[in-house]
N, C-alpha and C. Protein backbone atom coordinates (compact mmCIF):
# COMPACT_ATOMS: atom_id res chain seq x y z
N MET A 1 109.69 64.54 73.39
CA MET A 1 109.18 65.86 73.05
C MET A 1 107.77 66.07 73.60
N VAL A 2 106.94 65.07 73.48
CA VAL A 2 105.57 65.18 73.97
C VAL A 2 105.56 65.33 75.49
N ASP A 3 106.45 64.62 76.16
CA ASP A 3 106.53 64.74 77.61
C ASP A 3 106.95 66.15 78.02
N PHE A 4 107.85 66.75 77.26
CA PHE A 4 108.28 68.12 77.55
C PHE A 4 107.11 69.09 77.46
N VAL A 5 106.36 68.98 76.38
CA VAL A 5 105.20 69.86 76.20
C VAL A 5 104.19 69.63 77.31
N ASP A 6 103.96 68.39 77.63
CA ASP A 6 102.95 68.05 78.63
C ASP A 6 103.34 68.51 80.02
N THR A 7 104.59 68.38 80.38
CA THR A 7 105.00 68.69 81.75
C THR A 7 105.44 70.14 81.94
N VAL A 8 105.98 70.79 80.93
CA VAL A 8 106.54 72.12 81.10
C VAL A 8 105.63 73.21 80.55
N LEU A 9 105.16 73.05 79.34
CA LEU A 9 104.41 74.13 78.70
C LEU A 9 102.91 74.12 79.02
N ARG A 10 102.36 72.98 79.27
CA ARG A 10 100.92 72.88 79.49
C ARG A 10 100.43 73.69 80.69
N PRO A 11 101.14 73.73 81.81
CA PRO A 11 100.64 74.54 82.94
C PRO A 11 100.58 76.04 82.66
N PHE A 12 101.25 76.52 81.63
CA PHE A 12 101.29 77.95 81.36
C PHE A 12 100.19 78.42 80.40
N TRP A 13 99.29 77.55 80.00
CA TRP A 13 98.25 77.95 79.05
C TRP A 13 97.35 79.01 79.65
N ILE A 14 97.06 78.93 80.93
CA ILE A 14 96.19 79.93 81.56
C ILE A 14 96.85 81.30 81.56
N VAL A 15 98.17 81.34 81.67
CA VAL A 15 98.88 82.61 81.63
C VAL A 15 98.75 83.23 80.25
N TRP A 16 98.95 82.45 79.20
CA TRP A 16 98.86 82.96 77.84
C TRP A 16 97.44 83.41 77.51
N VAL A 17 96.46 82.63 77.88
CA VAL A 17 95.07 82.99 77.60
C VAL A 17 94.69 84.27 78.37
N SER A 18 95.15 84.39 79.59
CA SER A 18 94.87 85.60 80.38
C SER A 18 95.53 86.82 79.76
N MET A 19 96.74 86.67 79.28
CA MET A 19 97.42 87.79 78.64
C MET A 19 96.71 88.23 77.36
N ILE A 20 96.28 87.28 76.57
CA ILE A 20 95.56 87.61 75.34
C ILE A 20 94.24 88.30 75.67
N PHE A 21 93.50 87.77 76.64
CA PHE A 21 92.23 88.37 77.03
C PHE A 21 92.44 89.79 77.55
N THR A 22 93.44 89.99 78.39
CA THR A 22 93.72 91.32 78.93
C THR A 22 94.10 92.29 77.82
N GLY A 23 94.86 91.84 76.85
CA GLY A 23 95.23 92.69 75.72
C GLY A 23 94.03 93.11 74.89
N ILE A 24 93.12 92.18 74.66
CA ILE A 24 91.91 92.50 73.88
C ILE A 24 91.03 93.49 74.64
N VAL A 25 90.86 93.26 75.93
CA VAL A 25 90.04 94.18 76.74
C VAL A 25 90.68 95.56 76.79
N PHE A 26 91.99 95.62 76.98
CA PHE A 26 92.69 96.90 77.01
C PHE A 26 92.50 97.64 75.69
N TYR A 27 92.63 96.94 74.58
CA TYR A 27 92.46 97.56 73.26
C TYR A 27 91.04 98.08 73.08
N ALA A 28 90.06 97.29 73.50
CA ALA A 28 88.67 97.66 73.28
C ALA A 28 88.24 98.86 74.13
N PHE A 29 88.80 99.01 75.33
CA PHE A 29 88.36 100.06 76.23
C PHE A 29 89.28 101.27 76.28
N ARG A 30 90.23 101.35 75.37
CA ARG A 30 91.09 102.53 75.32
C ARG A 30 90.25 103.74 74.92
N PRO A 31 90.46 104.89 75.54
CA PRO A 31 89.69 106.09 75.17
C PRO A 31 89.87 106.48 73.71
N LYS A 32 91.02 106.16 73.14
CA LYS A 32 91.29 106.51 71.74
C LYS A 32 90.30 105.82 70.79
N ASN A 33 89.81 104.65 71.15
CA ASN A 33 88.91 103.89 70.28
C ASN A 33 87.44 104.16 70.54
N LYS A 34 87.11 105.03 71.47
CA LYS A 34 85.71 105.26 71.83
C LYS A 34 84.87 105.70 70.63
N GLY A 35 85.36 106.64 69.86
CA GLY A 35 84.62 107.11 68.70
C GLY A 35 84.39 106.02 67.67
N ARG A 36 85.38 105.19 67.47
CA ARG A 36 85.27 104.09 66.51
C ARG A 36 84.17 103.12 66.93
N TRP A 37 84.16 102.74 68.22
CA TRP A 37 83.17 101.77 68.69
C TRP A 37 81.77 102.36 68.69
N GLU A 38 81.64 103.65 69.01
CA GLU A 38 80.32 104.28 68.97
C GLU A 38 79.79 104.32 67.54
N GLU A 39 80.67 104.62 66.60
CA GLU A 39 80.25 104.65 65.19
C GLU A 39 79.84 103.26 64.71
N MET A 40 80.61 102.25 65.07
CA MET A 40 80.28 100.88 64.68
C MET A 40 78.99 100.40 65.34
N GLY A 41 78.71 100.89 66.54
CA GLY A 41 77.49 100.50 67.24
C GLY A 41 76.24 101.04 66.59
N LYS A 42 76.38 102.10 65.81
CA LYS A 42 75.24 102.71 65.14
C LYS A 42 74.97 102.10 63.76
N ILE A 43 75.83 101.24 63.29
CA ILE A 43 75.67 100.65 61.95
C ILE A 43 74.33 99.93 61.79
N PRO A 44 73.90 99.11 62.75
CA PRO A 44 72.61 98.42 62.55
C PRO A 44 71.41 99.37 62.50
N LEU A 45 71.56 100.57 63.01
CA LEU A 45 70.44 101.51 63.06
C LEU A 45 70.37 102.41 61.84
N ARG A 46 71.38 102.38 61.00
CA ARG A 46 71.41 103.23 59.81
C ARG A 46 70.44 102.71 58.75
N ASP A 47 69.90 103.66 57.97
CA ASP A 47 69.11 103.28 56.81
C ASP A 47 70.07 102.92 55.68
N ASP A 48 69.67 102.00 54.83
CA ASP A 48 70.54 101.60 53.73
C ASP A 48 70.70 102.70 52.69
N ASP A 49 69.76 103.64 52.65
CA ASP A 49 69.82 104.70 51.65
C ASP A 49 70.78 105.82 52.04
N GLU A 50 71.17 105.89 53.30
CA GLU A 50 72.10 106.94 53.74
C GLU A 50 73.46 106.74 53.11
N GLU A 51 74.12 107.87 52.86
CA GLU A 51 75.50 107.77 52.37
C GLU A 51 76.40 107.42 53.52
N ARG A 52 77.44 106.72 53.23
CA ARG A 52 78.36 106.30 54.30
C ARG A 52 79.59 107.10 54.28
């Protein structure tokens, strides 16, 4: 079993990692999420007394 994992599945790790990375980047840069990310980017600049 270990030999199977080592010889067959191990070379494909870069494909899986690339797919996950591409999916995260695609999700983050979708135009639909632009407002959400802009709002979250302003969180550190808000005063604590402001209503949320």
